[in-house]
Amino acid sequence: MPTENGEMEKGKLFIQTEDGGIKELGKVESIEFAEENGLQSKIEDFSPIAFDTKSSGEITITLTKDEYRSLMKKIGLETLTRKRFKKLLMGCGMQRNDAEVVAQAFNESKIRYTPLAIQRIIETINAEAEREVKR
């Protein structure tokens, strides 16, 4: 699944409608954690009316730490360990030394190790290879 989509912008929240279309719910302003002993509502517990943003254009969702981790994992933004990051790059065909160089560059730039980053790296490598073939 490509990471680029012309219809979607960063910071916006979308949902797939029953007819297969994409509907914008609102803009994500911030993400906050709920303590384990605090509010623990799950997204599926809300009625669809809870996500209606016609009046204000804003939506607030409070998640527990575990729910936040689960959401981040589903959208490809979970934080991986450096070792796992390199292993996944090697699984995509990258040599060990090259994976180490990429991991070092991410560390120096203070970029988190995420599955989405791995996907983006592989897409970039494929795009560059296609450009080389066209020359």
Protein backbone atom coordinates (compact mmCIF):
# COMPACT_ATOMS: atom_id res chain seq x y z
CA MET A 1 0.00 0.00 0.00
CA PRO A 2 1.62 3.28 -1.05
CA THR A 3 2.16 5.94 1.58
CA GLU A 4 1.23 8.76 -0.79
CA ASN A 5 -2.44 9.56 -1.42
CA GLY A 6 -3.43 12.82 -3.10
CA GLU A 7 -6.81 12.94 -1.38
CA MET A 8 -5.39 12.71 2.14
CA GLU A 9 -3.38 15.31 4.02
CA LYS A 10 -1.28 14.96 7.16
CA GLY A 11 -3.13 15.73 10.37
CA LYS A 12 -6.57 14.87 9.04
CA LEU A 13 -8.75 12.02 10.25
CA PHE A 14 -10.63 9.92 7.66
CA ILE A 15 -13.08 7.01 7.78
CA GLN A 16 -14.23 4.65 5.06
CA THR A 17 -17.96 4.90 4.42
CA GLU A 18 -20.27 1.94 3.81
CA ASP A 19 -20.27 2.57 0.06
CA GLY A 20 -16.44 2.39 -0.03
CA GLY A 21 -15.77 6.12 -0.25
CA ILE A 22 -13.57 8.14 2.10
CA LYS A 23 -15.09 10.75 4.40
CA GLU A 24 -13.06 13.34 6.29
CA LEU A 25 -13.93 13.38 9.99
CA GLY A 26 -11.79 16.28 11.09
CA LYS A 27 -8.26 17.41 11.87
CA VAL A 28 -6.05 15.80 14.50
CA GLU A 29 -4.77 18.60 16.71
CA SER A 30 -3.12 16.57 19.45
CA ILE A 31 -2.95 13.09 20.97
CA GLU A 32 -3.24 12.59 24.71
CA PHE A 33 -3.08 9.52 26.92
CA ALA A 34 -5.67 8.50 29.49
CA GLU A 35 -4.27 6.93 32.64
CA GLU A 36 -5.08 3.28 33.20
CA ASN A 37 -7.38 4.17 36.10
CA GLY A 38 -9.06 6.99 34.17
CA LEU A 39 -11.41 7.04 31.20
CA GLN A 40 -11.07 3.80 29.24
CA SER A 41 -13.64 4.08 26.44
CA LYS A 42 -12.91 2.18 23.28
CA ILE A 43 -13.55 3.62 19.84
CA GLU A 44 -16.03 0.86 18.94
CA ASP A 45 -18.08 1.79 22.05
CA PHE A 46 -18.95 5.17 20.53
CA SER A 47 -21.96 5.57 18.28
CA PRO A 48 -21.32 6.99 14.78
CA ILE A 49 -22.96 10.22 16.01
CA ALA A 50 -19.99 10.72 18.37
CA PHE A 51 -17.76 11.21 15.32
CA ASP A 52 -20.02 13.71 13.57
CA THR A 53 -17.96 16.89 13.21
CA LYS A 54 -20.23 19.05 11.07
CA SER A 55 -20.68 21.75 13.71
CA SER A 56 -17.15 22.35 14.99
CA GLY A 57 -14.84 20.48 12.61
CA GLU A 58 -12.87 19.11 15.57
CA ILE A 59 -12.87 15.74 17.29
CA THR A 60 -11.30 14.57 20.53
CA ILE A 61 -10.56 10.91 21.18
CA THR A 62 -9.09 9.83 24.51
CA LEU A 63 -7.15 6.58 24.39
CA THR A 64 -5.41 4.50 27.04
CA LYS A 65 -1.72 3.80 26.54
CA ASP A 66 -2.47 0.27 25.24
CA GLU A 67 -5.13 1.57 22.85
CA TYR A 68 -2.70 4.22 21.62
CA ARG A 69 -0.03 1.58 20.97
CA SER A 70 -2.55 -0.60 19.14
CA LEU A 71 -3.65 2.33 16.97
CA MET A 72 -0.05 3.30 16.18
CA LYS A 73 0.70 -0.32 15.23
CA LYS A 74 -2.29 -0.48 12.89
CA ILE A 75 -1.29 2.68 11.03
CA GLY A 76 2.41 1.76 10.83
CA LEU A 77 3.77 4.31 13.29
CA GLU A 78 4.72 2.01 16.17
CA THR A 79 8.29 2.46 17.36
CA LEU A 80 10.58 -0.45 16.57
CA THR A 81 13.88 -1.33 18.17
CA ARG A 82 16.98 -0.58 16.14
CA LYS A 83 17.67 -4.29 15.75
CA ARG A 84 14.14 -5.04 14.48
CA PHE A 85 14.34 -2.04 12.12
CA LYS A 86 17.54 -3.38 10.56
CA LYS A 87 16.17 -6.95 10.35
CA LEU A 88 13.08 -5.71 8.49
CA LEU A 89 15.25 -3.73 6.06
CA MET A 90 17.38 -6.84 5.47
CA GLY A 91 14.18 -8.84 4.94
CA CYS A 92 13.35 -6.45 2.09
CA GLY A 93 16.65 -7.32 0.39
CA MET A 94 18.97 -4.68 1.83
CA GLN A 95 22.49 -5.74 2.81
CA ARG A 96 23.41 -5.73 6.51
CA ASN A 97 25.94 -2.88 6.19
CA ASP A 98 23.49 -0.76 4.19
CA ALA A 99 20.79 -1.35 6.81
CA GLU A 100 23.25 -0.24 9.50
CA VAL A 101 24.01 2.96 7.56
CA VAL A 102 20.28 3.73 7.23
CA ALA A 103 19.68 3.04 10.93
CA GLN A 104 22.62 5.30 11.84
CA ALA A 105 21.23 8.09 9.65
CA PHE A 106 17.82 7.77 11.31
CA ASN A 107 19.43 7.89 14.75
CA GLU A 108 21.52 10.98 13.94
CA SER A 109 18.45 12.74 12.49
CA LYS A 110 16.36 11.73 15.52
CA ILE A 111 13.80 9.98 13.29
CA ARG A 112 11.86 7.15 14.95
CA TYR A 113 12.26 3.61 13.65
CA THR A 114 8.79 2.72 12.25
CA PRO A 115 7.38 0.22 9.74
CA LEU A 116 6.10 3.16 7.70
CA ALA A 117 9.66 4.47 7.43
CA ILE A 118 10.80 1.08 6.14
CA GLN A 119 8.04 1.13 3.53
CA ARG A 120 9.05 4.64 2.47
CA ILE A 121 12.72 3.60 2.16
CA ILE A 122 11.83 0.63 -0.04
CA GLU A 123 9.52 2.79 -2.20
CA THR A 124 12.35 5.32 -2.64
CA ILE A 125 14.84 2.60 -3.59
CA ASN A 126 12.38 1.15 -6.13
CA ALA A 127 11.69 4.60 -7.62
CA GLU A 128 15.44 5.26 -7.98
CA ALA A 129 15.96 1.85 -9.60
CA GLU A 130 13.19 2.59 -12.11
CA ARG A 131 14.82 5.93 -12.97
CA GLU A 132 18.15 4.19 -13.54
CA VAL A 133 16.53 1.66 -15.87
CA LYS A 134 14.91 4.45 -17.91
CA ARG A 135 18.29 6.12 -18.51
